[in-house]
Amino acid sequence: QVQLVESGGGLVQAGGSLRLSCAASGRVFSSYAMGWFRQAPGKEREFVTAITWSGGRTYYADSVKGRFTISRDNAKKTGYLQMNSLKPEDTAVYYCAAGSIPFARDPGEYDYWGQGTQVTVSS
C-alpha cells in the first residue's frame, strides 16, 4: 500500500503561482509512476501531468503545457506540481496518484490516490 497526502492548495489570483506537494508513505514510492489529476465541480476527473518512477520523463496535458511542471524527490518520497500563470479555468480539486503504468491518462490505471487539495483561481 502507498498512502498519498496532497498539500499546498489555496486561493490565488489569475496569473499567480502555487506549488502542490504529494507526500507518500508505505511501500516504496520510487517504484511507481506518479500523476496529477484535477476535478472541477460537475466535471469528470481530468489528467494533468505524469512523471516516470525515476523522474526522467514527464508528460503534460495540452491545457497546462508550458505553465505547470511536475517533479519528484524519491529520497523525500514526495512529488510536486509547480503551477504558474494560473487561470480561472484551472480551479479544481487536484489529486496525486501513483501507479505502475507510466504516463497513464486514465484514472482507472492508477492504484493509489490522495484525498485532494482545492485550488481556486480568481479572475
N, C-alpha and C. Protein backbone atom coordinates (compact mmCIF):
# COMPACT_ATOMS: atom_id res chain seq x y z
N GLN A 1 0.83 -1.20 0.00
CA GLN A 1 0.00 0.00 0.00
C GLN A 1 0.87 1.25 0.00
N VAL A 2 0.38 2.24 -0.68
CA VAL A 2 1.01 3.56 -0.69
C VAL A 2 -0.05 4.56 -0.24
N GLN A 3 0.28 5.36 0.73
CA GLN A 3 -0.61 6.43 1.16
C GLN A 3 -0.08 7.76 0.62
N LEU A 4 -0.96 8.56 0.06
CA LEU A 4 -0.60 9.83 -0.55
C LEU A 4 -1.38 10.95 0.11
N VAL A 5 -0.68 12.04 0.41
CA VAL A 5 -1.33 13.20 1.02
C VAL A 5 -0.89 14.45 0.28
N GLU A 6 -1.86 15.15 -0.33
CA GLU A 6 -1.57 16.39 -1.04
C GLU A 6 -1.63 17.58 -0.09
N SER A 7 -0.90 18.61 -0.43
CA SER A 7 -0.95 19.87 0.29
C SER A 7 -0.53 20.99 -0.65
N GLY A 8 -0.77 22.22 -0.21
CA GLY A 8 -0.32 23.37 -0.99
C GLY A 8 -1.39 24.09 -1.77
N GLY A 9 -2.60 23.56 -1.74
CA GLY A 9 -3.68 24.24 -2.45
C GLY A 9 -4.07 25.54 -1.76
N GLY A 10 -4.91 26.32 -2.43
CA GLY A 10 -5.37 27.57 -1.84
C GLY A 10 -6.01 28.46 -2.86
N LEU A 11 -6.20 29.72 -2.46
CA LEU A 11 -6.81 30.72 -3.32
C LEU A 11 -5.72 31.63 -3.87
N VAL A 12 -5.73 31.85 -5.19
CA VAL A 12 -4.71 32.68 -5.82
C VAL A 12 -5.37 33.47 -6.95
N GLN A 13 -4.83 34.64 -7.22
CA GLN A 13 -5.35 35.44 -8.32
C GLN A 13 -4.83 34.91 -9.65
N ALA A 14 -5.57 35.19 -10.69
CA ALA A 14 -5.14 34.80 -12.02
C ALA A 14 -3.76 35.37 -12.32
N GLY A 15 -2.91 34.53 -12.91
CA GLY A 15 -1.54 34.92 -13.17
C GLY A 15 -0.58 34.53 -12.08
N GLY A 16 -1.10 34.11 -10.95
CA GLY A 16 -0.28 33.72 -9.82
C GLY A 16 0.22 32.30 -9.92
N SER A 17 0.89 31.87 -8.84
CA SER A 17 1.51 30.54 -8.81
C SER A 17 1.18 29.83 -7.51
N LEU A 18 1.18 28.51 -7.59
CA LEU A 18 1.06 27.64 -6.43
C LEU A 18 1.95 26.43 -6.65
N ARG A 19 2.42 25.85 -5.55
CA ARG A 19 3.18 24.61 -5.63
C ARG A 19 2.49 23.57 -4.75
N LEU A 20 2.02 22.52 -5.39
CA LEU A 20 1.40 21.42 -4.68
C LEU A 20 2.44 20.36 -4.34
N SER A 21 2.26 19.73 -3.20
CA SER A 21 3.12 18.63 -2.79
C SER A 21 2.28 17.37 -2.60
N CYS A 22 2.91 16.24 -2.80
CA CYS A 22 2.26 14.94 -2.61
C CYS A 22 3.22 14.08 -1.81
N ALA A 23 2.94 13.92 -0.52
CA ALA A 23 3.81 13.15 0.36
C ALA A 23 3.34 11.71 0.40
N ALA A 24 4.28 10.78 0.20
CA ALA A 24 3.96 9.36 0.16
C ALA A 24 4.48 8.64 1.37
N SER A 25 3.79 7.61 1.77
CA SER A 25 4.26 6.72 2.83
C SER A 25 3.84 5.31 2.49
N GLY A 26 4.43 4.34 3.16
CA GLY A 26 4.08 2.96 2.88
C GLY A 26 5.11 2.31 1.99
N ARG A 27 4.65 1.62 0.95
CA ARG A 27 5.55 0.90 0.06
C ARG A 27 6.46 1.87 -0.69
N VAL A 28 7.44 1.34 -1.37
CA VAL A 28 8.49 2.14 -1.99
C VAL A 28 7.89 3.06 -3.05
N PHE A 29 7.89 4.33 -2.75
CA PHE A 29 7.32 5.33 -3.64
C PHE A 29 8.05 5.36 -4.97
N SER A 30 9.36 5.16 -4.93
CA SER A 30 10.17 5.28 -6.14
C SER A 30 9.87 4.20 -7.16
N SER A 31 9.12 3.18 -6.79
CA SER A 31 8.78 2.12 -7.72
C SER A 31 7.61 2.49 -8.62
N TYR A 32 6.94 3.57 -8.32
CA TYR A 32 5.70 3.91 -9.01
C TYR A 32 5.84 5.18 -9.85
N ALA A 33 5.16 5.14 -11.00
CA ALA A 33 4.94 6.37 -11.73
C ALA A 33 3.94 7.22 -10.96
N MET A 34 3.98 8.51 -11.20
CA MET A 34 3.10 9.41 -10.47
C MET A 34 2.36 10.32 -11.45
N GLY A 35 1.14 10.61 -11.12
CA GLY A 35 0.36 11.52 -11.94
C GLY A 35 -0.40 12.52 -11.09
N TRP A 36 -0.78 13.61 -11.73
CA TRP A 36 -1.66 14.60 -11.11
C TRP A 36 -2.92 14.71 -11.97
N PHE A 37 -4.04 14.74 -11.31
CA PHE A 37 -5.34 14.91 -11.96
C PHE A 37 -6.07 16.06 -11.28
N ARG A 38 -7.11 16.54 -11.92
CA ARG A 38 -7.94 17.56 -11.30
C ARG A 38 -9.39 17.31 -11.65
N GLN A 39 -10.27 17.80 -10.77
CA GLN A 39 -11.70 17.63 -10.99
C GLN A 39 -12.42 18.90 -10.56
N ALA A 40 -13.07 19.53 -11.52
CA ALA A 40 -13.87 20.71 -11.25
C ALA A 40 -15.31 20.28 -10.97
N PRO A 41 -16.08 21.11 -10.27
CA PRO A 41 -17.47 20.74 -9.96
C PRO A 41 -18.27 20.40 -11.22
N GLY A 42 -18.94 19.26 -11.19
CA GLY A 42 -19.77 18.85 -12.31
C GLY A 42 -19.03 18.28 -13.49
N LYS A 43 -17.71 18.12 -13.36
CA LYS A 43 -16.91 17.60 -14.46
C LYS A 43 -16.21 16.30 -14.06
N GLU A 44 -15.76 15.56 -15.06
CA GLU A 44 -15.03 14.34 -14.80
C GLU A 44 -13.60 14.66 -14.36
N ARG A 45 -12.98 13.69 -13.70
CA ARG A 45 -11.59 13.84 -13.32
C ARG A 45 -10.73 13.91 -14.58
N GLU A 46 -9.84 14.89 -14.61
CA GLU A 46 -9.08 15.20 -15.82
C GLU A 46 -7.59 15.00 -15.59
N PHE A 47 -6.92 14.35 -16.54
CA PHE A 47 -5.48 14.18 -16.48
C PHE A 47 -4.79 15.53 -16.62
N VAL A 48 -3.77 15.75 -15.78
CA VAL A 48 -2.99 16.99 -15.85
C VAL A 48 -1.56 16.71 -16.31
N THR A 49 -0.88 15.81 -15.60
CA THR A 49 0.52 15.54 -15.92
C THR A 49 0.95 14.25 -15.24
N ALA A 50 2.05 13.67 -15.74
CA ALA A 50 2.58 12.45 -15.16
C ALA A 50 4.10 12.44 -15.27
N ILE A 51 4.72 11.62 -14.44
CA ILE A 51 6.18 11.51 -14.41
C ILE A 51 6.55 10.06 -14.15
N THR A 52 7.64 9.61 -14.77
CA THR A 52 8.10 8.24 -14.57
C THR A 52 8.66 8.05 -13.17
N TRP A 53 8.90 6.78 -12.83
CA TRP A 53 9.36 6.47 -11.48
C TRP A 53 10.70 7.15 -11.16
N SER A 54 11.54 7.30 -12.18
CA SER A 54 12.85 7.90 -11.96
C SER A 54 12.81 9.42 -12.03
N GLY A 55 11.72 9.96 -12.58
CA GLY A 55 11.65 11.40 -12.80
C GLY A 55 12.28 11.84 -14.10
N GLY A 56 12.71 10.87 -14.90
CA GLY A 56 13.43 11.23 -16.10
C GLY A 56 12.57 11.70 -17.25
N ARG A 57 11.31 11.34 -17.23
CA ARG A 57 10.42 11.74 -18.33
C ARG A 57 9.11 12.25 -17.76
N THR A 58 8.57 13.26 -18.43
CA THR A 58 7.31 13.85 -18.00
C THR A 58 6.37 13.99 -19.18
N TYR A 59 5.10 14.18 -18.88
CA TYR A 59 4.07 14.27 -19.91
C TYR A 59 2.98 15.20 -19.39
N TYR A 60 2.49 16.09 -20.26
CA TYR A 60 1.53 17.11 -19.83
C TYR A 60 0.31 17.15 -20.74
N ALA A 61 -0.81 17.47 -20.15
CA ALA A 61 -1.99 17.78 -20.94
C ALA A 61 -1.74 19.10 -21.66
N ASP A 62 -2.31 19.25 -22.83
CA ASP A 62 -2.09 20.46 -23.62
C ASP A 62 -2.52 21.72 -22.85
N SER A 63 -3.54 21.58 -22.03
CA SER A 63 -4.08 22.75 -21.32
C SER A 63 -3.13 23.34 -20.29
N VAL A 64 -2.13 22.57 -19.88
CA VAL A 64 -1.21 23.06 -18.85
C VAL A 64 0.24 23.12 -19.33
N LYS A 65 0.48 22.66 -20.53
CA LYS A 65 1.85 22.60 -21.05
C LYS A 65 2.45 24.00 -21.09
N GLY A 66 3.67 24.11 -20.57
CA GLY A 66 4.34 25.40 -20.53
C GLY A 66 4.04 26.22 -19.29
N ARG A 67 3.04 25.81 -18.52
CA ARG A 67 2.68 26.55 -17.30
C ARG A 67 2.91 25.71 -16.04
N PHE A 68 2.69 24.41 -16.14
CA PHE A 68 2.84 23.51 -15.00
C PHE A 68 4.10 22.67 -15.17
N THR A 69 4.71 22.33 -14.02
CA THR A 69 5.89 21.46 -14.03
C THR A 69 5.75 20.41 -12.94
N ILE A 70 5.86 19.16 -13.34
CA ILE A 70 5.82 18.06 -12.39
C ILE A 70 7.25 17.64 -12.05
N SER A 71 7.47 17.25 -10.81
CA SER A 71 8.78 16.76 -10.40
C SER A 71 8.58 15.83 -9.21
N ARG A 72 9.65 15.16 -8.83
CA ARG A 72 9.58 14.28 -7.68
C ARG A 72 10.95 14.17 -7.04
N ASP A 73 10.95 13.91 -5.74
CA ASP A 73 12.17 13.67 -4.98
C ASP A 73 11.97 12.34 -4.27
N ASN A 74 12.51 11.29 -4.86
CA ASN A 74 12.27 9.95 -4.31
C ASN A 74 12.91 9.78 -2.93
N ALA A 75 13.99 10.48 -2.67
CA ALA A 75 14.61 10.39 -1.35
C ALA A 75 13.68 10.94 -0.27
N LYS A 76 12.89 11.95 -0.62
CA LYS A 76 11.93 12.53 0.31
C LYS A 76 10.54 11.90 0.16
N LYS A 77 10.40 11.01 -0.81
CA LYS A 77 9.12 10.35 -1.07
C LYS A 77 8.02 11.39 -1.29
N THR A 78 8.34 12.38 -2.08
CA THR A 78 7.42 13.49 -2.31
C THR A 78 7.41 13.86 -3.79
N GLY A 79 6.22 14.12 -4.29
CA GLY A 79 6.07 14.64 -5.63
C GLY A 79 5.58 16.07 -5.56
N TYR A 80 5.79 16.80 -6.66
CA TYR A 80 5.45 18.21 -6.68
C TYR A 80 4.75 18.58 -7.99
N LEU A 81 3.93 19.61 -7.90
CA LEU A 81 3.33 20.20 -9.09
C LEU A 81 3.45 21.71 -8.95
N GLN A 82 4.36 22.29 -9.72
CA GLN A 82 4.52 23.74 -9.75
C GLN A 82 3.57 24.29 -10.81
N MET A 83 2.71 25.20 -10.39
CA MET A 83 1.69 25.76 -11.28
C MET A 83 1.91 27.27 -11.40
N ASN A 84 2.24 27.71 -12.59
CA ASN A 84 2.46 29.13 -12.86
C ASN A 84 1.42 29.65 -13.83
N SER A 85 1.31 30.95 -13.91
CA SER A 85 0.37 31.60 -14.83
C SER A 85 -1.02 30.98 -14.71
N LEU A 86 -1.48 30.85 -13.51
CA LEU A 86 -2.76 30.19 -13.27
C LEU A 86 -3.92 30.98 -13.85
N LYS A 87 -4.91 30.23 -14.32
CA LYS A 87 -6.11 30.79 -14.93
C LYS A 87 -7.34 30.36 -14.13
N PRO A 88 -8.42 31.11 -14.21
CA PRO A 88 -9.64 30.69 -13.50
C PRO A 88 -10.09 29.28 -13.88
N GLU A 89 -9.86 28.87 -15.11
CA GLU A 89 -10.27 27.53 -15.53
C GLU A 89 -9.40 26.43 -14.93
N ASP A 90 -8.34 26.79 -14.23
CA ASP A 90 -7.55 25.80 -13.50
C ASP A 90 -8.18 25.46 -12.15
N THR A 91 -9.21 26.17 -11.76
CA THR A 91 -9.88 25.92 -10.49
C THR A 91 -10.44 24.51 -10.44
N ALA A 92 -10.05 23.75 -9.42
CA ALA A 92 -10.46 22.35 -9.29
C ALA A 92 -9.86 21.78 -8.00
N VAL A 93 -10.30 20.59 -7.67
CA VAL A 93 -9.60 19.79 -6.66
C VAL A 93 -8.52 19.00 -7.39
N TYR A 94 -7.30 19.11 -6.89
CA TYR A 94 -6.15 18.44 -7.51
C TYR A 94 -5.78 17.20 -6.70
N TYR A 95 -5.59 16.09 -7.43
CA TYR A 95 -5.26 14.82 -6.82
C TYR A 95 -3.93 14.31 -7.35
N CYS A 96 -3.12 13.74 -6.48
CA CYS A 96 -1.97 12.99 -6.96
C CYS A 96 -2.30 11.50 -6.90
N ALA A 97 -1.64 10.75 -7.75
CA ALA A 97 -1.90 9.33 -7.86
C ALA A 97 -0.60 8.60 -8.18
N ALA A 98 -0.54 7.33 -7.80
CA ALA A 98 0.63 6.50 -8.08
C ALA A 98 0.18 5.21 -8.72
N GLY A 99 0.97 4.73 -9.68
CA GLY A 99 0.62 3.51 -10.37
C GLY A 99 1.82 2.92 -11.07
N SER A 100 1.63 1.77 -11.68
CA SER A 100 2.74 1.06 -12.31
C SER A 100 2.86 1.35 -13.80
N ILE A 101 1.89 2.06 -14.37
CA ILE A 101 1.90 2.34 -15.81
C ILE A 101 2.35 3.77 -16.02
N PRO A 102 3.48 3.99 -16.70
CA PRO A 102 3.94 5.36 -16.90
C PRO A 102 3.06 6.11 -17.89
N PHE A 103 2.84 7.38 -17.61
CA PHE A 103 2.10 8.29 -18.48
C PHE A 103 0.65 7.87 -18.68
N ALA A 104 0.10 7.13 -17.75
CA ALA A 104 -1.30 6.75 -17.88
C ALA A 104 -2.18 7.99 -17.75
N ARG A 105 -3.15 8.14 -18.67
CA ARG A 105 -4.07 9.27 -18.64
C ARG A 105 -5.42 8.89 -18.06
N ASP A 106 -5.66 7.62 -17.95
CA ASP A 106 -6.94 7.12 -17.42
C ASP A 106 -6.82 6.97 -15.92
N PRO A 107 -7.70 7.63 -15.15
CA PRO A 107 -7.62 7.50 -13.69
C PRO A 107 -7.69 6.04 -13.22
N GLY A 108 -8.38 5.21 -13.96
CA GLY A 108 -8.51 3.81 -13.59
C GLY A 108 -7.22 3.02 -13.63
N GLU A 109 -6.18 3.58 -14.24
CA GLU A 109 -4.90 2.89 -14.34
C GLU A 109 -3.96 3.22 -13.19
N TYR A 110 -4.43 4.03 -12.26
CA TYR A 110 -3.63 4.35 -11.07
C TYR A 110 -4.15 3.54 -9.89
N ASP A 111 -3.23 3.11 -9.05
CA ASP A 111 -3.58 2.23 -7.94
C ASP A 111 -3.85 2.97 -6.64
N TYR A 112 -3.20 4.11 -6.47
CA TYR A 112 -3.27 4.82 -5.19
C TYR A 112 -3.58 6.29 -5.44
N TRP A 113 -4.39 6.87 -4.55
CA TRP A 113 -4.82 8.25 -4.68
C TRP A 113 -4.74 8.98 -3.36
N GLY A 114 -4.46 10.28 -3.47
CA GLY A 114 -4.58 11.13 -2.30
C GLY A 114 -6.00 11.63 -2.14
N GLN A 115 -6.22 12.43 -1.12
CA GLN A 115 -7.57 12.91 -0.81
C GLN A 115 -7.92 14.18 -1.58
N GLY A 116 -6.93 14.81 -2.18
CA GLY A 116 -7.16 16.00 -2.98
C GLY A 116 -6.92 17.29 -2.21
N THR A 117 -6.58 18.34 -2.95
CA THR A 117 -6.40 19.66 -2.38
C THR A 117 -7.04 20.68 -3.32
N GLN A 118 -7.77 21.63 -2.74
CA GLN A 118 -8.54 22.58 -3.54
C GLN A 118 -7.63 23.70 -4.04
N VAL A 119 -7.73 23.99 -5.32
CA VAL A 119 -7.07 25.14 -5.92
C VAL A 119 -8.16 26.03 -6.52
N THR A 120 -8.17 27.28 -6.10
CA THR A 120 -9.15 28.24 -6.61
C THR A 120 -8.42 29.45 -7.17
N VAL A 121 -8.70 29.75 -8.44
CA VAL A 121 -8.05 30.87 -9.11
C VAL A 121 -9.11 31.92 -9.39
N SER A 122 -8.92 33.09 -8.81
CA SER A 122 -9.90 34.17 -9.00
C SER A 122 -9.50 35.05 -10.18
N SER A 123 -10.50 35.60 -10.84
CA SER A 123 -10.22 36.44 -12.02
C SER A 123 -10.04 37.90 -11.64
